[in-house]
Amino acid sequence: MPIRRILAAVIATAALAGLGLTGAATAATAQGAPSYVTPSQCREGGGEPRIDLPGNPCVGGTYDGQAVD
């Protein structure tokens, strides 16, 4: 009987640890950068909004490559 209790405790601990890791990974990806920036944010970050290029990217600075809206 003690072996069953130990085995059950090990399985329960592993399952809870797995759920905790999944939650941490989800939280890390949810805090990503916004999908677009404003022209003023692009300039404040040291970039130049290039609305004349395909995709309207912010070129240079912190938001380099982000779409300008």
PDB file of N, CA and C in Angstrom:
ATOM      1  N   MET A   1       0.797  -1.205   0.000  1.00  0.00           N
ATOM      2  CA  MET A   1       0.000   0.000   0.000  1.00  0.00           C
ATOM      3  C   MET A   1       0.840   1.271   0.000  1.00  0.00           C
ATOM      4  N   PRO A   2       1.940   1.338   0.761  1.00  0.00           N
ATOM      5  CA  PRO A   2       2.704   2.576   0.762  1.00  0.00           C
ATOM      6  C   PRO A   2       3.266   2.899  -0.623  1.00  0.00           C
ATOM      7  N   ILE A   3       3.549   1.863  -1.414  1.00  0.00           N
ATOM      8  CA  ILE A   3       4.090   2.103  -2.755  1.00  0.00           C
ATOM      9  C   ILE A   3       3.040   2.782  -3.624  1.00  0.00           C
ATOM     10  N   ARG A   4       1.790   2.389  -3.510  1.00  0.00           N
ATOM     11  CA  ARG A   4       0.719   3.014  -4.290  1.00  0.00           C
ATOM     12  C   ARG A   4       0.565   4.479  -3.910  1.00  0.00           C
ATOM     13  N   ARG A   5       0.650   4.774  -2.618  1.00  0.00           N
ATOM     14  CA  ARG A   5       0.518   6.169  -2.168  1.00  0.00           C
ATOM     15  C   ARG A   5       1.669   7.018  -2.694  1.00  0.00           C
ATOM     16  N   ILE A   6       2.857   6.468  -2.641  1.00  0.00           N
ATOM     17  CA  ILE A   6       4.031   7.197  -3.132  1.00  0.00           C
ATOM     18  C   ILE A   6       3.906   7.420  -4.635  1.00  0.00           C
ATOM     19  N   LEU A   7       3.518   6.377  -5.365  1.00  0.00           N
ATOM     20  CA  LEU A   7       3.357   6.490  -6.807  1.00  0.00           C
ATOM     21  C   LEU A   7       2.277   7.519  -7.151  1.00  0.00           C
ATOM     22  N   ALA A   8       1.177   7.518  -6.436  1.00  0.00           N
ATOM     23  CA  ALA A   8       0.106   8.482  -6.676  1.00  0.00           C
ATOM     24  C   ALA A   8       0.601   9.908  -6.399  1.00  0.00           C
ATOM     25  N   ALA A   9       1.384  10.081  -5.345  1.00  0.00           N
ATOM     26  CA  ALA A   9       1.916  11.403  -5.022  1.00  0.00           C
ATOM     27  C   ALA A   9       2.886  11.882  -6.100  1.00  0.00           C
ATOM     28  N   VAL A  10       3.713  10.986  -6.609  1.00  0.00           N
ATOM     29  CA  VAL A  10       4.668  11.345  -7.663  1.00  0.00           C
ATOM     30  C   VAL A  10       3.921  11.748  -8.933  1.00  0.00           C
ATOM     31  N   ILE A  11       2.901  11.007  -9.306  1.00  0.00           N
ATOM     32  CA  ILE A  11       2.128  11.325 -10.512  1.00  0.00           C
ATOM     33  C   ILE A  11       1.398  12.657 -10.348  1.00  0.00           C
ATOM     34  N   ALA A  12       0.806  12.877  -9.187  1.00  0.00           N
ATOM     35  CA  ALA A  12       0.097  14.134  -8.948  1.00  0.00           C
ATOM     36  C   ALA A  12       1.059  15.320  -8.983  1.00  0.00           C
ATOM     37  N   THR A  13       2.231  15.162  -8.402  1.00  0.00           N
ATOM     38  CA  THR A  13       3.224  16.237  -8.418  1.00  0.00           C
ATOM     39  C   THR A  13       3.678  16.537  -9.837  1.00  0.00           C
ATOM     40  N   ALA A  14       3.915  15.515 -10.625  1.00  0.00           N
ATOM     41  CA  ALA A  14       4.338  15.708 -12.016  1.00  0.00           C
ATOM     42  C   ALA A  14       3.248  16.400 -12.828  1.00  0.00           C
ATOM     43  N   ALA A  15       2.012  16.026 -12.598  1.00  0.00           N
ATOM     44  CA  ALA A  15       0.906  16.649 -13.334  1.00  0.00           C
ATOM     45  C   ALA A  15       0.778  18.125 -12.977  1.00  0.00           C
ATOM     46  N   LEU A  16       0.868  18.452 -11.701  1.00  0.00           N
ATOM     47  CA  LEU A  16       0.772  19.850 -11.283  1.00  0.00           C
ATOM     48  C   LEU A  16       1.955  20.664 -11.792  1.00  0.00           C
ATOM     49  N   ALA A  17       3.124  20.082 -11.804  1.00  0.00           N
ATOM     50  CA  ALA A  17       4.299  20.774 -12.321  1.00  0.00           C
ATOM     51  C   ALA A  17       4.135  21.040 -13.815  1.00  0.00           C
ATOM     52  N   GLY A  18       3.589  20.083 -14.534  1.00  0.00           N
ATOM     53  CA  GLY A  18       3.345  20.268 -15.964  1.00  0.00           C
ATOM     54  C   GLY A  18       2.363  21.391 -16.230  1.00  0.00           C
ATOM     55  N   LEU A  19       1.309  21.481 -15.418  1.00  0.00           N
ATOM     56  CA  LEU A  19       0.346  22.576 -15.577  1.00  0.00           C
ATOM     57  C   LEU A  19       0.996  23.914 -15.266  1.00  0.00           C
ATOM     58  N   GLY A  20       1.861  23.953 -14.280  1.00  0.00           N
ATOM     59  CA  GLY A  20       2.552  25.199 -13.939  1.00  0.00           C
ATOM     60  C   GLY A  20       3.467  25.651 -15.055  1.00  0.00           C
ATOM     61  N   LEU A  21       4.171  24.731 -15.687  1.00  0.00           N
ATOM     62  CA  LEU A  21       5.058  25.094 -16.793  1.00  0.00           C
ATOM     63  C   LEU A  21       4.263  25.585 -17.993  1.00  0.00           C
ATOM     64  N   THR A  22       3.132  24.968 -18.246  1.00  0.00           N
ATOM     65  CA  THR A  22       2.285  25.399 -19.358  1.00  0.00           C
ATOM     66  C   THR A  22       1.769  26.807 -19.113  1.00  0.00           C
ATOM     67  N   GLY A  23       1.359  27.101 -17.900  1.00  0.00           N
ATOM     68  CA  GLY A  23       0.880  28.444 -17.569  1.00  0.00           C
ATOM     69  C   GLY A  23       1.975  29.484 -17.698  1.00  0.00           C
ATOM     70  N   ALA A  24       3.189  29.147 -17.303  1.00  0.00           N
ATOM     71  CA  ALA A  24       4.305  30.090 -17.407  1.00  0.00           C
ATOM     72  C   ALA A  24       4.635  30.370 -18.862  1.00  0.00           C
ATOM     73  N   ALA A  25       4.584  29.359 -19.709  1.00  0.00           N
ATOM     74  CA  ALA A  25       4.877  29.560 -21.130  1.00  0.00           C
ATOM     75  C   ALA A  25       3.805  30.422 -21.787  1.00  0.00           C
ATOM     76  N   THR A  26       2.561  30.228 -21.408  1.00  0.00           N
ATOM     77  CA  THR A  26       1.479  31.033 -21.963  1.00  0.00           C
ATOM     78  C   THR A  26       1.616  32.482 -21.541  1.00  0.00           C
ATOM     79  N   ALA A  27       1.965  32.713 -20.282  1.00  0.00           N
ATOM     80  CA  ALA A  27       2.123  34.082 -19.798  1.00  0.00           C
ATOM     81  C   ALA A  27       3.286  34.779 -20.484  1.00  0.00           C
ATOM     82  N   ALA A  28       4.349  34.051 -20.757  1.00  0.00           N
ATOM     83  CA  ALA A  28       5.512  34.661 -21.400  1.00  0.00           C
ATOM     84  C   ALA A  28       5.191  35.081 -22.829  1.00  0.00           C
ATOM     85  N   THR A  29       4.422  34.291 -23.553  1.00  0.00           N
ATOM     86  CA  THR A  29       4.104  34.656 -24.926  1.00  0.00           C
ATOM     87  C   THR A  29       3.031  35.725 -24.992  1.00  0.00           C
ATOM     88  N   ALA A  30       2.192  35.806 -23.997  1.00  0.00           N
ATOM     89  CA  ALA A  30       1.140  36.807 -24.013  1.00  0.00           C
ATOM     90  C   ALA A  30       1.675  38.213 -23.781  1.00  0.00           C
ATOM     91  N   GLN A  31       2.867  38.353 -23.278  1.00  0.00           N
ATOM     92  CA  GLN A  31       3.420  39.656 -22.980  1.00  0.00           C
ATOM     93  C   GLN A  31       4.333  40.164 -24.085  1.00  0.00           C
ATOM     94  N   GLY A  32       4.126  39.710 -25.295  1.00  0.00           N
ATOM     95  CA  GLY A  32       4.962  40.139 -26.407  1.00  0.00           C
ATOM     96  C   GLY A  32       4.714  41.582 -26.796  1.00  0.00           C
ATOM     97  N   ALA A  33       5.491  42.079 -27.723  1.00  0.00           N
ATOM     98  CA  ALA A  33       5.360  43.446 -28.199  1.00  0.00           C
ATOM     99  C   ALA A  33       4.062  43.603 -29.003  1.00  0.00           C
ATOM    100  N   PRO A  34       3.541  44.824 -29.067  1.00  0.00           N
ATOM    101  CA  PRO A  34       2.331  45.036 -29.858  1.00  0.00           C
ATOM    102  C   PRO A  34       2.604  44.775 -31.341  1.00  0.00           C
ATOM    103  N   SER A  35       1.564  44.465 -32.094  1.00  0.00           N
ATOM    104  CA  SER A  35       1.744  44.128 -33.497  1.00  0.00           C
ATOM    105  C   SER A  35       1.986  45.365 -34.357  1.00  0.00           C
ATOM    106  N   TYR A  36       1.668  46.549 -33.865  1.00  0.00           N
ATOM    107  CA  TYR A  36       1.924  47.770 -34.602  1.00  0.00           C
ATOM    108  C   TYR A  36       2.258  48.897 -33.626  1.00  0.00           C
ATOM    109  N   VAL A  37       2.859  49.949 -34.134  1.00  0.00           N
ATOM    110  CA  VAL A  37       3.184  51.121 -33.321  1.00  0.00           C
ATOM    111  C   VAL A  37       2.666  52.361 -34.033  1.00  0.00           C
ATOM    112  N   THR A  38       2.503  53.434 -33.292  1.00  0.00           N
ATOM    113  CA  THR A  38       2.082  54.699 -33.891  1.00  0.00           C
ATOM    114  C   THR A  38       3.317  55.407 -34.451  1.00  0.00           C
ATOM    115  N   PRO A  39       3.129  56.339 -35.362  1.00  0.00           N
ATOM    116  CA  PRO A  39       4.278  57.078 -35.887  1.00  0.00           C
ATOM    117  C   PRO A  39       5.088  57.769 -34.783  1.00  0.00           C
ATOM    118  N   SER A  40       4.403  58.315 -33.778  1.00  0.00           N
ATOM    119  CA  SER A  40       5.129  58.988 -32.691  1.00  0.00           C
ATOM    120  C   SER A  40       5.925  57.990 -31.846  1.00  0.00           C
ATOM    121  N   GLN A  41       5.370  56.781 -31.614  1.00  0.00           N
ATOM    122  CA  GLN A  41       6.115  55.756 -30.876  1.00  0.00           C
ATOM    123  C   GLN A  41       7.356  55.345 -31.654  1.00  0.00           C
ATOM    124  N   CYS A  42       7.223  55.229 -32.962  1.00  0.00           N
ATOM    125  CA  CYS A  42       8.355  54.859 -33.807  1.00  0.00           C
ATOM    126  C   CYS A  42       9.462  55.908 -33.682  1.00  0.00           C
ATOM    127  N   ARG A  43       9.105  57.182 -33.773  1.00  0.00           N
ATOM    128  CA  ARG A  43      10.095  58.263 -33.671  1.00  0.00           C
ATOM    129  C   ARG A  43      10.723  58.320 -32.280  1.00  0.00           C
ATOM    130  N   GLU A  44       9.880  58.161 -31.239  1.00  0.00           N
ATOM    131  CA  GLU A  44      10.397  58.197 -29.865  1.00  0.00           C
ATOM    132  C   GLU A  44      11.367  57.046 -29.607  1.00  0.00           C
ATOM    133  N   GLY A  45      11.175  55.931 -30.292  1.00  0.00           N
ATOM    134  CA  GLY A  45      12.060  54.785 -30.149  1.00  0.00           C
ATOM    135  C   GLY A  45      13.320  54.903 -30.992  1.00  0.00           C
ATOM    136  N   GLY A  46      13.459  56.004 -31.701  1.00  0.00           N
ATOM    137  CA  GLY A  46      14.664  56.218 -32.494  1.00  0.00           C
ATOM    138  C   GLY A  46      14.548  55.768 -33.937  1.00  0.00           C
ATOM    139  N   GLY A  47      13.348  55.467 -34.379  1.00  0.00           N
ATOM    140  CA  GLY A  47      13.149  55.000 -35.745  1.00  0.00           C
ATOM    141  C   GLY A  47      12.498  56.049 -36.618  1.00  0.00           C
ATOM    142  N   GLU A  48      12.256  55.668 -37.854  1.00  0.00           N
ATOM    143  CA  GLU A  48      11.603  56.537 -38.832  1.00  0.00           C
ATOM    144  C   GLU A  48      10.445  55.771 -39.455  1.00  0.00           C
ATOM    145  N   PRO A  49       9.205  56.263 -39.303  1.00  0.00           N
ATOM    146  CA  PRO A  49       8.077  55.575 -39.928  1.00  0.00           C
ATOM    147  C   PRO A  49       8.147  55.718 -41.448  1.00  0.00           C
ATOM    148  N   ARG A  50       8.162  54.601 -42.145  1.00  0.00           N
ATOM    149  CA  ARG A  50       8.272  54.616 -43.608  1.00  0.00           C
ATOM    150  C   ARG A  50       6.970  54.100 -44.197  1.00  0.00           C
ATOM    151  N   ILE A  51       5.982  54.977 -44.298  1.00  0.00           N
ATOM    152  CA  ILE A  51       4.684  54.568 -44.842  1.00  0.00           C
ATOM    153  C   ILE A  51       4.725  54.415 -46.354  1.00  0.00           C
ATOM    154  N   ASP A  52       5.853  54.798 -46.961  1.00  0.00           N
ATOM    155  CA  ASP A  52       5.990  54.631 -48.407  1.00  0.00           C
ATOM    156  C   ASP A  52       6.470  53.229 -48.792  1.00  0.00           C
ATOM    157  N   LEU A  53       6.897  52.433 -47.820  1.00  0.00           N
ATOM    158  CA  LEU A  53       7.367  51.070 -48.078  1.00  0.00           C
ATOM    159  C   LEU A  53       6.242  50.077 -47.834  1.00  0.00           C
ATOM    160  N   PRO A  54       6.282  48.914 -48.500  1.00  0.00           N
ATOM    161  CA  PRO A  54       5.251  47.893 -48.268  1.00  0.00           C
ATOM    162  C   PRO A  54       5.210  47.458 -46.804  1.00  0.00           C
ATOM    163  N   GLY A  55       4.030  47.425 -46.239  1.00  0.00           N
ATOM    164  CA  GLY A  55       3.853  47.011 -44.850  1.00  0.00           C
ATOM    165  C   GLY A  55       4.000  48.159 -43.866  1.00  0.00           C
ATOM    166  N   ASN A  56       4.313  49.363 -44.349  1.00  0.00           N
ATOM    167  CA  ASN A  56       4.469  50.554 -43.502  1.00  0.00           C
ATOM    168  C   ASN A  56       5.350  50.289 -42.280  1.00  0.00           C
ATOM    169  N   PRO A  57       6.608  49.888 -42.471  1.00  0.00           N
ATOM    170  CA  PRO A  57       7.440  49.543 -41.314  1.00  0.00           C
ATOM    171  C   PRO A  57       8.045  50.755 -40.612  1.00  0.00           C
ATOM    172  N   CYS A  58       8.391  50.546 -39.365  1.00  0.00           N
ATOM    173  CA  CYS A  58       9.219  51.490 -38.615  1.00  0.00           C
ATOM    174  C   CYS A  58      10.659  51.021 -38.869  1.00  0.00           C
ATOM    175  N   VAL A  59      11.491  51.915 -39.392  1.00  0.00           N
ATOM    176  CA  VAL A  59      12.847  51.538 -39.765  1.00  0.00           C
ATOM    177  C   VAL A  59      13.822  52.100 -38.743  1.00  0.00           C
ATOM    178  N   GLY A  60      14.556  51.208 -38.084  1.00  0.00           N
ATOM    179  CA  GLY A  60      15.545  51.596 -37.084  1.00  0.00           C
ATOM    180  C   GLY A  60      14.928  51.745 -35.703  1.00  0.00           C
ATOM    181  N   GLY A  61      15.782  51.879 -34.713  1.00  0.00           N
ATOM    182  CA  GLY A  61      15.333  52.103 -33.336  1.00  0.00           C
ATOM    183  C   GLY A  61      14.752  50.871 -32.663  1.00  0.00           C
ATOM    184  N   THR A  62      14.041  51.136 -31.590  1.00  0.00           N
ATOM    185  CA  THR A  62      13.471  50.082 -30.757  1.00  0.00           C
ATOM    186  C   THR A  62      12.422  49.252 -31.492  1.00  0.00           C
ATOM    187  N   TYR A  63      11.624  49.885 -32.334  1.00  0.00           N
ATOM    188  CA  TYR A  63      10.506  49.215 -32.997  1.00  0.00           C
ATOM    189  C   TYR A  63      10.826  48.824 -34.438  1.00  0.00           C
ATOM    190  N   ASP A  64      12.081  48.636 -34.744  1.00  0.00           N
ATOM    191  CA  ASP A  64      12.510  48.310 -36.104  1.00  0.00           C
ATOM    192  C   ASP A  64      11.754  47.110 -36.653  1.00  0.00           C
ATOM    193  N   GLY A  65      11.130  47.294 -37.816  1.00  0.00           N
ATOM    194  CA  GLY A  65      10.394  46.215 -38.463  1.00  0.00           C
ATOM    195  C   GLY A  65       8.934  46.129 -38.093  1.00  0.00           C
ATOM    196  N   GLN A  66       8.515  46.812 -37.030  1.00  0.00           N
ATOM    197  CA  GLN A  66       7.107  46.786 -36.626  1.00  0.00           C
ATOM    198  C   GLN A  66       6.287  47.623 -37.600  1.00  0.00           C
ATOM    199  N   ALA A  67       5.051  47.214 -37.842  1.00  0.00           N
ATOM    200  CA  ALA A  67       4.157  47.964 -38.717  1.00  0.00           C
ATOM    201  C   ALA A  67       3.727  49.259 -38.034  1.00  0.00           C
ATOM    202  N   VAL A  68       3.657  50.325 -38.813  1.00  0.00           N
ATOM    203  CA  VAL A  68       3.202  51.624 -38.305  1.00  0.00           C
ATOM    204  C   VAL A  68       1.746  51.793 -38.685  1.00  0.00           C
ATOM    205  N   ASP A  69       0.915  52.135 -37.694  1.00  0.00           N
ATOM    206  CA  ASP A  69      -0.515  52.307 -37.939  1.00  0.00           C
ATOM    207  C   ASP A  69      -0.886  53.764 -37.820  1.00  0.00           C
TER     208      ASP A  69
END
